[in-house]
N, C-alpha and C. Protein backbone atom coordinates (compact mmCIF):
# COMPACT_ATOMS: atom_id res chain seq x y z
N UNK A 1 -20.79 -16.32 44.12
CA UNK A 1 -21.32 -15.57 42.99
C UNK A 1 -20.61 -14.22 42.86
N UNK A 2 -20.38 -13.56 44.00
CA UNK A 2 -19.69 -12.27 43.96
C UNK A 2 -18.26 -12.43 43.46
N UNK A 3 -17.61 -13.50 43.85
CA UNK A 3 -16.24 -13.74 43.42
C UNK A 3 -16.19 -13.95 41.91
N UNK A 4 -17.15 -14.71 41.40
CA UNK A 4 -17.22 -14.96 39.96
C UNK A 4 -17.44 -13.65 39.19
N UNK A 5 -18.35 -12.81 39.70
CA UNK A 5 -18.62 -11.53 39.04
C UNK A 5 -17.41 -10.60 39.10
N UNK A 6 -16.71 -10.58 40.23
CA UNK A 6 -15.52 -9.73 40.37
C UNK A 6 -14.42 -10.21 39.43
N UNK A 7 -14.25 -11.53 39.32
CA UNK A 7 -13.26 -12.09 38.41
C UNK A 7 -13.60 -11.76 36.96
N UNK A 8 -14.86 -11.91 36.61
CA UNK A 8 -15.31 -11.60 35.25
C UNK A 8 -15.14 -10.11 34.93
N UNK A 9 -15.44 -9.25 35.88
CA UNK A 9 -15.27 -7.81 35.68
C UNK A 9 -13.80 -7.44 35.54
N UNK A 10 -12.94 -8.08 36.32
CA UNK A 10 -11.50 -7.80 36.23
C UNK A 10 -10.92 -8.24 34.90
N UNK A 11 -11.29 -9.43 34.44
CA UNK A 11 -10.80 -9.92 33.14
C UNK A 11 -11.32 -9.04 32.01
N UNK A 12 -12.58 -8.63 32.08
CA UNK A 12 -13.15 -7.75 31.06
C UNK A 12 -12.42 -6.42 31.01
N UNK A 13 -12.09 -5.88 32.17
CA UNK A 13 -11.38 -4.59 32.22
C UNK A 13 -10.00 -4.70 31.58
N UNK A 14 -9.32 -5.82 31.80
CA UNK A 14 -7.99 -6.01 31.20
C UNK A 14 -8.10 -6.08 29.68
N UNK A 15 -9.07 -6.85 29.18
CA UNK A 15 -9.22 -6.98 27.73
C UNK A 15 -9.70 -5.68 27.08
N UNK A 16 -10.52 -4.92 27.77
CA UNK A 16 -10.99 -3.65 27.20
C UNK A 16 -9.89 -2.59 27.22
N UNK A 17 -8.98 -2.66 28.16
CA UNK A 17 -7.89 -1.69 28.24
C UNK A 17 -6.79 -1.99 27.23
N UNK A 18 -6.65 -3.22 26.80
CA UNK A 18 -5.59 -3.60 25.87
C UNK A 18 -5.70 -2.89 24.52
N UNK A 19 -6.87 -2.81 23.86
CA UNK A 19 -6.92 -2.10 22.58
C UNK A 19 -6.59 -0.62 22.71
N UNK A 20 -6.93 0.00 23.82
CA UNK A 20 -6.60 1.42 24.00
C UNK A 20 -5.09 1.61 24.03
N UNK A 21 -4.38 0.69 24.65
CA UNK A 21 -2.93 0.76 24.68
C UNK A 21 -2.36 0.53 23.29
N UNK A 22 -2.94 -0.39 22.53
CA UNK A 22 -2.46 -0.67 21.18
C UNK A 22 -2.69 0.52 20.25
N UNK A 23 -3.78 1.24 20.43
CA UNK A 23 -4.05 2.42 19.60
C UNK A 23 -3.03 3.51 19.86
N UNK A 24 -2.58 3.65 21.07
CA UNK A 24 -1.56 4.63 21.39
C UNK A 24 -0.24 4.32 20.71
N UNK A 25 0.08 3.06 20.56
CA UNK A 25 1.32 2.65 19.91
C UNK A 25 1.21 2.66 18.39
N UNK A 26 0.00 2.67 17.86
CA UNK A 26 -0.18 2.63 16.41
C UNK A 26 0.38 3.88 15.73
N UNK A 27 0.41 5.00 16.42
CA UNK A 27 0.93 6.23 15.83
C UNK A 27 2.43 6.16 15.60
N UNK A 28 3.12 5.28 16.30
CA UNK A 28 4.57 5.15 16.15
C UNK A 28 4.97 4.32 14.94
N UNK A 29 4.02 3.58 14.36
CA UNK A 29 4.35 2.72 13.23
C UNK A 29 4.41 3.53 11.94
N UNK A 30 5.17 3.03 10.98
CA UNK A 30 5.31 3.70 9.70
C UNK A 30 4.13 3.37 8.79
N UNK A 31 3.78 4.33 7.94
CA UNK A 31 2.78 4.09 6.91
C UNK A 31 3.50 3.61 5.67
N UNK A 32 3.13 2.44 5.17
CA UNK A 32 3.78 1.87 4.00
C UNK A 32 2.74 1.67 2.91
N UNK A 33 3.05 2.17 1.72
CA UNK A 33 2.17 2.01 0.57
C UNK A 33 2.98 1.41 -0.56
N UNK A 34 2.59 0.22 -1.00
CA UNK A 34 3.21 -0.39 -2.17
C UNK A 34 2.28 -0.15 -3.33
N UNK A 35 2.76 0.54 -4.33
CA UNK A 35 1.96 0.83 -5.52
C UNK A 35 2.56 0.09 -6.70
N UNK A 36 1.82 -0.87 -7.21
CA UNK A 36 2.26 -1.63 -8.37
C UNK A 36 1.35 -1.26 -9.53
N UNK A 37 1.93 -0.93 -10.65
CA UNK A 37 1.12 -0.58 -11.81
C UNK A 37 1.43 -1.53 -12.96
N UNK A 38 0.54 -1.55 -13.92
CA UNK A 38 0.63 -2.51 -15.01
C UNK A 38 0.40 -1.77 -16.33
N UNK A 39 0.89 -2.35 -17.39
CA UNK A 39 0.64 -1.88 -18.76
C UNK A 39 1.21 -0.51 -19.06
N UNK A 40 2.34 -0.18 -18.50
CA UNK A 40 3.05 1.00 -18.97
C UNK A 40 4.55 0.78 -18.79
N UNK A 41 5.31 1.50 -19.56
CA UNK A 41 6.76 1.35 -19.50
C UNK A 41 7.31 2.02 -18.25
N UNK A 42 8.53 1.64 -17.90
CA UNK A 42 9.16 2.16 -16.69
C UNK A 42 9.41 3.66 -16.76
N UNK A 43 9.58 4.19 -17.97
CA UNK A 43 9.93 5.61 -18.11
C UNK A 43 8.73 6.49 -18.44
N UNK A 44 7.52 5.98 -18.28
CA UNK A 44 6.32 6.74 -18.63
C UNK A 44 5.69 7.44 -17.42
N UNK A 45 6.53 8.03 -16.59
CA UNK A 45 6.07 8.84 -15.47
C UNK A 45 6.96 10.07 -15.37
N UNK A 46 6.42 11.14 -14.84
CA UNK A 46 7.21 12.35 -14.69
C UNK A 46 8.40 12.17 -13.76
N UNK A 47 8.22 11.37 -12.71
CA UNK A 47 9.32 11.15 -11.76
C UNK A 47 10.44 10.31 -12.36
N UNK A 48 10.18 9.64 -13.48
CA UNK A 48 11.22 8.85 -14.16
C UNK A 48 11.95 9.67 -15.20
N UNK A 49 11.57 10.94 -15.34
CA UNK A 49 12.28 11.83 -16.25
C UNK A 49 11.63 12.01 -17.61
N UNK A 50 10.37 11.61 -17.76
CA UNK A 50 9.71 11.81 -19.05
C UNK A 50 9.51 13.30 -19.29
N UNK A 51 9.81 13.79 -20.50
CA UNK A 51 9.81 15.23 -20.73
C UNK A 51 8.45 15.91 -20.70
N UNK A 52 7.35 15.21 -21.07
CA UNK A 52 6.08 15.93 -21.11
C UNK A 52 4.92 15.22 -20.41
N UNK A 53 5.07 14.00 -19.96
CA UNK A 53 3.99 13.34 -19.23
C UNK A 53 3.91 13.90 -17.81
N UNK A 54 2.70 14.22 -17.38
CA UNK A 54 2.48 14.76 -16.04
C UNK A 54 1.71 13.72 -15.22
N UNK A 55 2.37 13.07 -14.33
CA UNK A 55 1.74 12.11 -13.41
C UNK A 55 1.89 12.69 -12.01
N UNK A 56 1.04 13.64 -11.69
CA UNK A 56 1.21 14.45 -10.49
C UNK A 56 1.19 13.64 -9.20
N UNK A 57 0.23 12.74 -9.07
CA UNK A 57 0.13 11.97 -7.83
C UNK A 57 1.31 11.02 -7.67
N UNK A 58 1.66 10.32 -8.74
CA UNK A 58 2.80 9.41 -8.66
C UNK A 58 4.10 10.18 -8.42
N UNK A 59 4.23 11.35 -9.03
CA UNK A 59 5.43 12.16 -8.82
C UNK A 59 5.53 12.62 -7.36
N UNK A 60 4.40 13.01 -6.78
CA UNK A 60 4.40 13.45 -5.38
C UNK A 60 4.75 12.29 -4.45
N UNK A 61 4.15 11.11 -4.71
CA UNK A 61 4.47 9.95 -3.88
C UNK A 61 5.93 9.57 -4.00
N UNK A 62 6.48 9.65 -5.20
CA UNK A 62 7.90 9.31 -5.40
C UNK A 62 8.81 10.34 -4.71
N UNK A 63 8.39 11.61 -4.71
CA UNK A 63 9.21 12.65 -4.09
C UNK A 63 9.20 12.54 -2.56
N UNK A 64 8.07 12.12 -1.99
CA UNK A 64 7.95 12.05 -0.54
C UNK A 64 8.38 10.70 0.03
N UNK A 65 8.59 9.73 -0.82
CA UNK A 65 8.91 8.39 -0.33
C UNK A 65 10.13 7.81 -1.01
N UNK A 66 10.08 6.53 -1.25
CA UNK A 66 11.17 5.80 -1.88
C UNK A 66 10.66 5.23 -3.19
N UNK A 67 11.44 5.39 -4.23
CA UNK A 67 11.08 4.85 -5.54
C UNK A 67 12.11 3.80 -5.91
N UNK A 68 11.64 2.57 -6.15
CA UNK A 68 12.52 1.49 -6.56
C UNK A 68 12.61 1.50 -8.07
N UNK A 69 13.75 1.92 -8.60
CA UNK A 69 13.88 2.08 -10.04
C UNK A 69 14.69 0.97 -10.70
N UNK A 70 15.24 0.07 -9.95
CA UNK A 70 16.05 -1.00 -10.52
C UNK A 70 15.31 -2.32 -10.38
N UNK A 71 14.17 -2.43 -11.03
CA UNK A 71 13.35 -3.64 -10.94
C UNK A 71 13.16 -4.21 -12.34
N UNK A 72 12.89 -5.48 -12.41
CA UNK A 72 12.64 -6.13 -13.70
C UNK A 72 11.72 -7.31 -13.49
N UNK A 73 11.17 -7.79 -14.59
CA UNK A 73 10.33 -8.98 -14.57
C UNK A 73 10.97 -10.02 -15.49
N UNK A 74 10.97 -11.26 -15.04
CA UNK A 74 11.63 -12.30 -15.83
C UNK A 74 10.76 -12.80 -16.97
N UNK A 75 9.46 -12.84 -16.77
CA UNK A 75 8.54 -13.27 -17.82
C UNK A 75 7.35 -12.34 -17.84
N UNK A 76 7.01 -11.90 -19.02
CA UNK A 76 5.88 -11.01 -19.17
C UNK A 76 4.59 -11.82 -19.20
N UNK A 77 3.52 -11.26 -18.64
CA UNK A 77 2.23 -11.94 -18.70
C UNK A 77 1.33 -11.32 -19.76
N UNK A 78 1.89 -10.45 -20.58
CA UNK A 78 1.14 -9.79 -21.63
C UNK A 78 0.83 -10.80 -22.72
N UNK A 79 -0.40 -10.83 -23.19
CA UNK A 79 -0.82 -11.80 -24.20
C UNK A 79 -1.19 -11.08 -25.49
N UNK A 80 -1.02 -11.76 -26.60
CA UNK A 80 -1.37 -11.17 -27.89
C UNK A 80 -2.86 -10.89 -27.98
N UNK A 81 -3.68 -11.69 -27.31
CA UNK A 81 -5.13 -11.48 -27.35
C UNK A 81 -5.50 -10.12 -26.75
N UNK A 82 -4.78 -9.70 -25.73
CA UNK A 82 -5.05 -8.40 -25.13
C UNK A 82 -4.77 -7.28 -26.12
N UNK A 83 -3.72 -7.43 -26.91
CA UNK A 83 -3.38 -6.42 -27.90
C UNK A 83 -4.47 -6.33 -28.95
N UNK A 84 -5.00 -7.47 -29.39
CA UNK A 84 -6.07 -7.45 -30.38
C UNK A 84 -7.32 -6.79 -29.82
N UNK A 85 -7.66 -7.07 -28.57
CA UNK A 85 -8.85 -6.48 -27.96
C UNK A 85 -8.70 -4.96 -27.87
N UNK A 86 -7.53 -4.49 -27.57
CA UNK A 86 -7.31 -3.04 -27.48
C UNK A 86 -7.38 -2.40 -28.85
N UNK A 87 -6.89 -3.08 -29.88
CA UNK A 87 -6.91 -2.52 -31.23
C UNK A 87 -8.34 -2.42 -31.74
N UNK A 88 -9.21 -3.36 -31.34
CA UNK A 88 -10.59 -3.34 -31.79
C UNK A 88 -11.41 -2.29 -31.07
N UNK A 89 -11.04 -1.91 -29.88
CA UNK A 89 -11.85 -0.98 -29.07
C UNK A 89 -11.80 0.43 -29.57
């Protein structure tokens, strides 16, 4: 019985110590934020060079990180029904 308890205590100690070690290594990893937006043109942000639009948060994120400006979509998912709903609102 003592051997079983000692073995169980040893295994528990190993498993409980493992997350503490992983938390110490978590600070070395990079923080990655992918921000995808919809329903606006590529040049409708201050960081894209628009003369009077102020998108302060997006501009700050673009200044502190990486901005992918050479992207495109092959097929648009925009529907005519959405345009009618917006016109009625």
